[in-house]
C-alpha atoms as a PDB file:
ATOM      1  CA  MET A   1      10.542 -35.646 -28.097  1.00  0.00           C
ATOM      2  CA  ARG A   2      10.170 -37.034 -24.470  1.00  0.00           C
ATOM      3  CA  GLY A   3      13.241 -34.914 -23.320  1.00  0.00           C
ATOM      4  CA  SER A   4      11.865 -31.305 -24.260  1.00  0.00           C
ATOM      5  CA  ALA A   5       8.242 -32.792 -22.867  1.00  0.00           C
ATOM      6  CA  THR A   6      10.260 -32.801 -19.594  1.00  0.00           C
ATOM      7  CA  THR A   7      11.664 -29.804 -19.811  1.00  0.00           C
ATOM      8  CA  ILE A   8       9.038 -28.261 -19.931  1.00  0.00           C
ATOM      9  CA  THR A   9       7.077 -29.886 -17.142  1.00  0.00           C
ATOM     10  CA  ILE A  10      10.115 -28.857 -15.131  1.00  0.00           C
ATOM     11  CA  LEU A  11       9.938 -25.175 -16.377  1.00  0.00           C
ATOM     12  CA  LEU A  12       6.441 -24.766 -16.269  1.00  0.00           C
ATOM     13  CA  LEU A  13       6.550 -26.211 -12.418  1.00  0.00           C
ATOM     14  CA  LEU A  14       9.449 -23.908 -11.397  1.00  0.00           C
ATOM     15  CA  THR A  15       7.385 -20.934 -12.764  1.00  0.00           C
ATOM     16  CA  ALA A  16       4.559 -22.045 -10.807  1.00  0.00           C
ATOM     17  CA  SER A  17       6.689 -21.827  -7.374  1.00  0.00           C
ATOM     18  CA  ALA A  18       8.091 -18.936  -8.238  1.00  0.00           C
ATOM     19  CA  CYS A  19       4.851 -17.353  -8.495  1.00  0.00           C
ATOM     20  CA  ALA A  20       3.308 -18.883  -5.450  1.00  0.00           C
ATOM     21  CA  ASP A  21       5.729 -16.231  -3.514  1.00  0.00           C
ATOM     22  CA  GLU A  22       3.807 -13.666  -4.773  1.00  0.00           C
ATOM     23  CA  PRO A  23       0.569 -12.568  -3.333  1.00  0.00           C
ATOM     24  CA  GLU A  24      -2.373 -13.247  -4.739  1.00  0.00           C
ATOM     25  CA  ASP A  25      -4.614  -9.972  -4.943  1.00  0.00           C
ATOM     26  CA  VAL A  26      -1.209  -7.884  -6.004  1.00  0.00           C
ATOM     27  CA  VAL A  27      -2.344  -4.971  -8.198  1.00  0.00           C
ATOM     28  CA  ARG A  28       0.827  -3.587 -10.410  1.00  0.00           C
ATOM     29  CA  LYS A  29       0.881  -0.530 -12.359  1.00  0.00           C
ATOM     30  CA  THR A  30       3.674   1.818 -14.089  1.00  0.00           C
ATOM     31  CA  ILE A  31       3.319   5.591 -12.698  1.00  0.00           C
ATOM     32  CA  GLY A  32       5.688   7.707 -14.456  1.00  0.00           C
ATOM     33  CA  PRO A  33       6.019  11.830 -14.352  1.00  0.00           C
ATOM     34  CA  ALA A  34       3.065  12.386 -15.724  1.00  0.00           C
ATOM     35  CA  GLY A  35       1.354  11.281 -12.526  1.00  0.00           C
ATOM     36  CA  GLY A  36      -1.715   8.280 -12.481  1.00  0.00           C
ATOM     37  CA  LEU A  37      -3.697   6.411 -10.099  1.00  0.00           C
ATOM     38  CA  VAL A  38      -3.173   2.893  -8.815  1.00  0.00           C
ATOM     39  CA  SER A  39      -5.697   1.372  -6.663  1.00  0.00           C
ATOM     40  CA  SER A  40      -5.488  -2.141  -4.410  1.00  0.00           C
ATOM     41  CA  HIS A  41      -7.419  -5.223  -6.089  1.00  0.00           C
ATOM     42  CA  ASP A  42     -10.569  -4.243  -3.882  1.00  0.00           C
ATOM     43  CA  ASP A  43     -10.587  -0.576  -4.445  1.00  0.00           C
ATOM     44  CA  VAL A  44     -10.216  -0.079  -0.968  1.00  0.00           C
ATOM     45  CA  LEU A  45      -7.244   2.189  -0.801  1.00  0.00           C
ATOM     46  CA  THR A  46      -5.928   4.656  -3.967  1.00  0.00           C
ATOM     47  CA  ILE A  47      -2.796   6.218  -4.271  1.00  0.00           C
ATOM     48  CA  VAL A  48      -3.001   9.543  -6.549  1.00  0.00           C
ATOM     49  CA  PHE A  49       0.576  10.342  -7.557  1.00  0.00           C
ATOM     50  CA  GLN A  50       0.335  14.109  -8.667  1.00  0.00           C
ATOM     51  CA  PRO A  51       1.982  15.345 -11.805  1.00  0.00           C
ATOM     52  CA  GLY A  52       5.922  15.687 -11.183  1.00  0.00           C
ATOM     53  CA  ALA A  53       5.935  13.695  -8.208  1.00  0.00           C
ATOM     54  CA  LEU A  54       7.995  10.825  -9.875  1.00  0.00           C
ATOM     55  CA  THR A  55      11.303  11.447 -11.996  1.00  0.00           C
ATOM     56  CA  ARG A  56      10.539   8.529 -13.962  1.00  0.00           C
ATOM     57  CA  GLU A  57       8.332   5.380 -14.702  1.00  0.00           C
ATOM     58  CA  TYR A  58       8.284   2.817 -11.602  1.00  0.00           C
ATOM     59  CA  GLU A  59       5.794  -0.292 -11.480  1.00  0.00           C
ATOM     60  CA  ILE A  60       4.013   0.713  -8.390  1.00  0.00           C
ATOM     61  CA  GLU A  61       2.363  -2.557  -6.354  1.00  0.00           C
ATOM     62  CA  ILE A  62      -0.261  -2.739  -4.023  1.00  0.00           C
ATOM     63  CA  PHE A  63      -1.651  -5.758  -2.177  1.00  0.00           C
ATOM     64  CA  PRO A  64      -3.208  -6.802   1.242  1.00  0.00           C
ATOM     65  CA  SER A  65      -0.658  -7.755   4.348  1.00  0.00           C
ATOM     66  CA  GLU A  66      -1.161  -8.980   7.383  1.00  0.00           C
ATOM     67  CA  GLU A  67       2.188  -8.126   8.395  1.00  0.00           C
ATOM     68  CA  PRO A  68       1.890  -5.029  10.746  1.00  0.00           C
ATOM     69  CA  PRO A  69       0.212  -4.668  14.015  1.00  0.00           C
ATOM     70  CA  LEU A  70      -3.615  -4.496  13.943  1.00  0.00           C
ATOM     71  CA  ILE A  71      -5.922  -1.571  13.009  1.00  0.00           C
ATOM     72  CA  PHE A  72      -9.203  -0.275  12.149  1.00  0.00           C
ATOM     73  CA  GLY A  73      -9.513  -2.448   9.220  1.00  0.00           C
ATOM     74  CA  SER A  74      -7.230  -4.106   6.363  1.00  0.00           C
ATOM     75  CA  ALA A  75      -3.463  -2.885   6.058  1.00  0.00           C
ATOM     76  CA  TYR A  76      -1.651  -2.462   2.473  1.00  0.00           C
ATOM     77  CA  ARG A  77       1.985  -2.790   1.745  1.00  0.00           C
ATOM     78  CA  VAL A  78       3.090  -0.814  -1.026  1.00  0.00           C
ATOM     79  CA  LYS A  79       5.836  -1.240  -2.983  1.00  0.00           C
ATOM     80  CA  PRO A  80       8.766   0.191  -3.985  1.00  0.00           C
ATOM     81  CA  GLU A  81      10.708   2.870  -1.914  1.00  0.00           C
ATOM     82  CA  VAL A  82      10.126   5.906  -4.484  1.00  0.00           C
ATOM     83  CA  ASP A  83      11.208   9.385  -3.668  1.00  0.00           C
ATOM     84  CA  LEU A  84       8.602  12.387  -4.080  1.00  0.00           C
ATOM     85  CA  ALA A  85       8.686  15.226  -5.604  1.00  0.00           C
ATOM     86  CA  VAL A  86       4.857  16.368  -5.257  1.00  0.00           C
ATOM     87  CA  ASN A  87       2.902  14.850  -1.872  1.00  0.00           C
ATOM     88  CA  LEU A  88       0.687  11.935  -2.533  1.00  0.00           C
ATOM     89  CA  GLU A  89      -3.048  12.080  -2.074  1.00  0.00           C
ATOM     90  CA  VAL A  90      -4.071   8.449  -0.227  1.00  0.00           C
ATOM     91  CA  THR A  91      -7.897   7.497  -0.138  1.00  0.00           C
ATOM     92  CA  TYR A  92      -9.236   4.648   2.400  1.00  0.00           C
ATOM     93  CA  ARG A  93     -12.492   3.106   1.458  1.00  0.00           C
ATOM     94  CA  ARG A  94     -14.703   0.955   4.063  1.00  0.00           C
ATOM     95  CA  VAL A  95     -17.498   1.519   6.545  1.00  0.00           C
ATOM     96  CA  LEU A  96     -16.280   4.241   8.910  1.00  0.00           C
ATOM     97  CA  PRO A  97     -16.946   3.613  12.647  1.00  0.00           C
ATOM     98  CA  ASN A  98     -19.334   5.925  14.948  1.00  0.00           C
ATOM     99  CA  ASN A  99     -17.813   8.760  15.508  1.00  0.00           C
ATOM    100  CA  THR A 100     -15.056   9.672  12.833  1.00  0.00           C
ATOM    101  CA  ASP A 101     -13.441  12.620  14.363  1.00  0.00           C
ATOM    102  CA  GLY A 102     -10.230  11.261  14.659  1.00  0.00           C
ATOM    103  CA  VAL A 103     -10.142   8.122  11.562  1.00  0.00           C
ATOM    104  CA  THR A 104      -7.797   9.451   9.653  1.00  0.00           C
ATOM    105  CA  VAL A 105      -5.081   7.070   6.694  1.00  0.00           C
ATOM    106  CA  GLY A 106      -1.853   5.646   8.687  1.00  0.00           C
ATOM    107  CA  ALA A 107       1.060   4.794   7.138  1.00  0.00           C
ATOM    108  CA  ILE A 108       4.363   3.158   8.302  1.00  0.00           C
ATOM    109  CA  ARG A 109       7.281   4.210   6.925  1.00  0.00           C
ATOM    110  CA  LEU A 110      10.266   1.758   5.433  1.00  0.00           C
ATOM    111  CA  ASP A 111      13.035   3.631   7.851  1.00  0.00           C
ATOM    112  CA  ASP A 112      10.882   2.840  10.827  1.00  0.00           C
ATOM    113  CA  TYR A 113       9.507  -0.423   9.660  1.00  0.00           C
ATOM    114  CA  THR A 114      13.269  -1.639   9.228  1.00  0.00           C
ATOM    115  CA  GLN A 115      15.052  -0.333  12.334  1.00  0.00           C
ATOM    116  CA  GLN A 116      11.921  -2.163  14.408  1.00  0.00           C
ATOM    117  CA  MET A 117      10.084   0.868  15.239  1.00  0.00           C
ATOM    118  CA  GLY A 118       7.100   0.855  12.282  1.00  0.00           C
ATOM    119  CA  TYR A 119       4.737   3.191  13.784  1.00  0.00           C
ATOM    120  CA  TRP A 120       1.285   3.939  12.383  1.00  0.00           C
ATOM    121  CA  ASP A 121       1.697   7.610  11.354  1.00  0.00           C
ATOM    122  CA  ALA A 122      -1.106   9.699  10.649  1.00  0.00           C
ATOM    123  CA  LEU A 123      -1.350  11.204   7.788  1.00  0.00           C
ATOM    124  CA  PRO A 124      -2.763  14.439   7.458  1.00  0.00           C
ATOM    125  CA  ARG A 125      -6.500  14.542   6.728  1.00  0.00           C
ATOM    126  CA  LEU A 126      -7.594  16.628   3.591  1.00  0.00           C
ATOM    127  CA  SER A 127     -11.139  15.449   3.525  1.00  0.00           C
ATOM    128  CA  ILE A 128     -13.686  12.641   4.953  1.00  0.00           C
ATOM    129  CA  ASP A 129     -16.841  11.958   3.302  1.00  0.00           C
ATOM    130  CA  GLU A 130     -18.808   9.474   5.663  1.00  0.00           C
ATOM    131  CA  ALA A 131     -21.845   8.695   4.254  1.00  0.00           C
ATOM    132  CA  ALA A 132     -19.561   7.331   1.243  1.00  0.00           C
ATOM    133  CA  GLY A 133     -16.969   6.076   3.371  1.00  0.00           C
ATOM    134  CA  TRP A 134     -14.033   7.482   2.330  1.00  0.00           C
ATOM    135  CA  VAL A 135     -10.892   9.624   4.098  1.00  0.00           C
ATOM    136  CA  LEU A 136      -8.413  11.491   1.883  1.00  0.00           C
ATOM    137  CA  ALA A 137      -5.260  12.390   2.636  1.00  0.00           C
ATOM    138  CA  SER A 138      -1.394  13.443   1.624  1.00  0.00           C
ATOM    139  CA  ASP A 139       1.427  11.912   1.882  1.00  0.00           C
ATOM    140  CA  ASP A 140       4.951  13.551   1.508  1.00  0.00           C
ATOM    141  CA  GLN A 141       6.387  10.158   0.699  1.00  0.00           C
ATOM    142  CA  LEU A 142       5.158   6.711  -0.763  1.00  0.00           C
ATOM    143  CA  SER A 143       4.831   4.719   2.424  1.00  0.00           C
ATOM    144  CA  LEU A 144       5.215   0.722   3.023  1.00  0.00           C
ATOM    145  CA  TYR A 145       2.100   0.282   4.661  1.00  0.00           C
ATOM    146  CA  TYR A 146      -1.166   1.872   4.952  1.00  0.00           C
ATOM    147  CA  GLY A 147      -4.349   1.718   6.811  1.00  0.00           C
ATOM    148  CA  LEU A 148      -7.152   3.459   9.000  1.00  0.00           C
ATOM    149  CA  LEU A 149      -6.728   4.292  12.065  1.00  0.00           C
ATOM    150  CA  GLU A 150      -9.325   5.393  14.145  1.00  0.00           C
ATOM    151  CA  SER A 151      -7.829   7.688  16.362  1.00  0.00           C
ATOM    152  CA  GLY A 152      -6.187   9.951  14.332  1.00  0.00           C
ATOM    153  CA  GLU A 153      -3.096   8.810  16.714  1.00  0.00           C
ATOM    154  CA  GLY A 154      -0.210   6.760  15.127  1.00  0.00           C
ATOM    155  CA  ASN A 155       0.511   4.071  18.470  1.00  0.00           C
ATOM    156  CA  ALA A 156       0.524   0.388  17.452  1.00  0.00           C
ATOM    157  CA  ALA A 157       4.624  -0.618  16.656  1.00  0.00           C
ATOM    158  CA  ALA A 158       5.571  -3.051  14.281  1.00  0.00           C
ATOM    159  CA  ASP A 159       7.996  -6.282  15.234  1.00  0.00           C
ATOM    160  CA  ASP A 160       9.098  -7.330  12.620  1.00  0.00           C
ATOM    161  CA  ASP A 161      11.853  -5.924   9.547  1.00  0.00           C
ATOM    162  CA  SER A 162      11.411  -6.879   6.130  1.00  0.00           C
END
């Protein structure tokens, strides 16, 4: 009996250590061809998959990250790399800067990031609600990182590949 209690304790410790590498604020949601949405744990980032955007079901993950270069507010990591047939709608919510002329959602593409050229790309802004504090943009692919760009120009580079 003592041997099985030791085995259970070891398995619990291994499971706990495996989960320690996972961000604690990760959100996972399965989305398929019918479409759907997934939001970060704090509802700052929301990604809407239109019907037909995906050809099969994927488990989409979003979590805060400090990996990319600093931007206006938090950045969020999104997994996995997924091909899309229809553009995504990406909403970013936060207190916006006083001048919102150039504010848009920024994205870092996986290909650029893995080649150590992960510049923030300004996504096409669809709309903005200054009073409510959100910006809506369109993305033709599921990007690696999302954040808010104040100037509307992606110019900060990522210097790490992962």
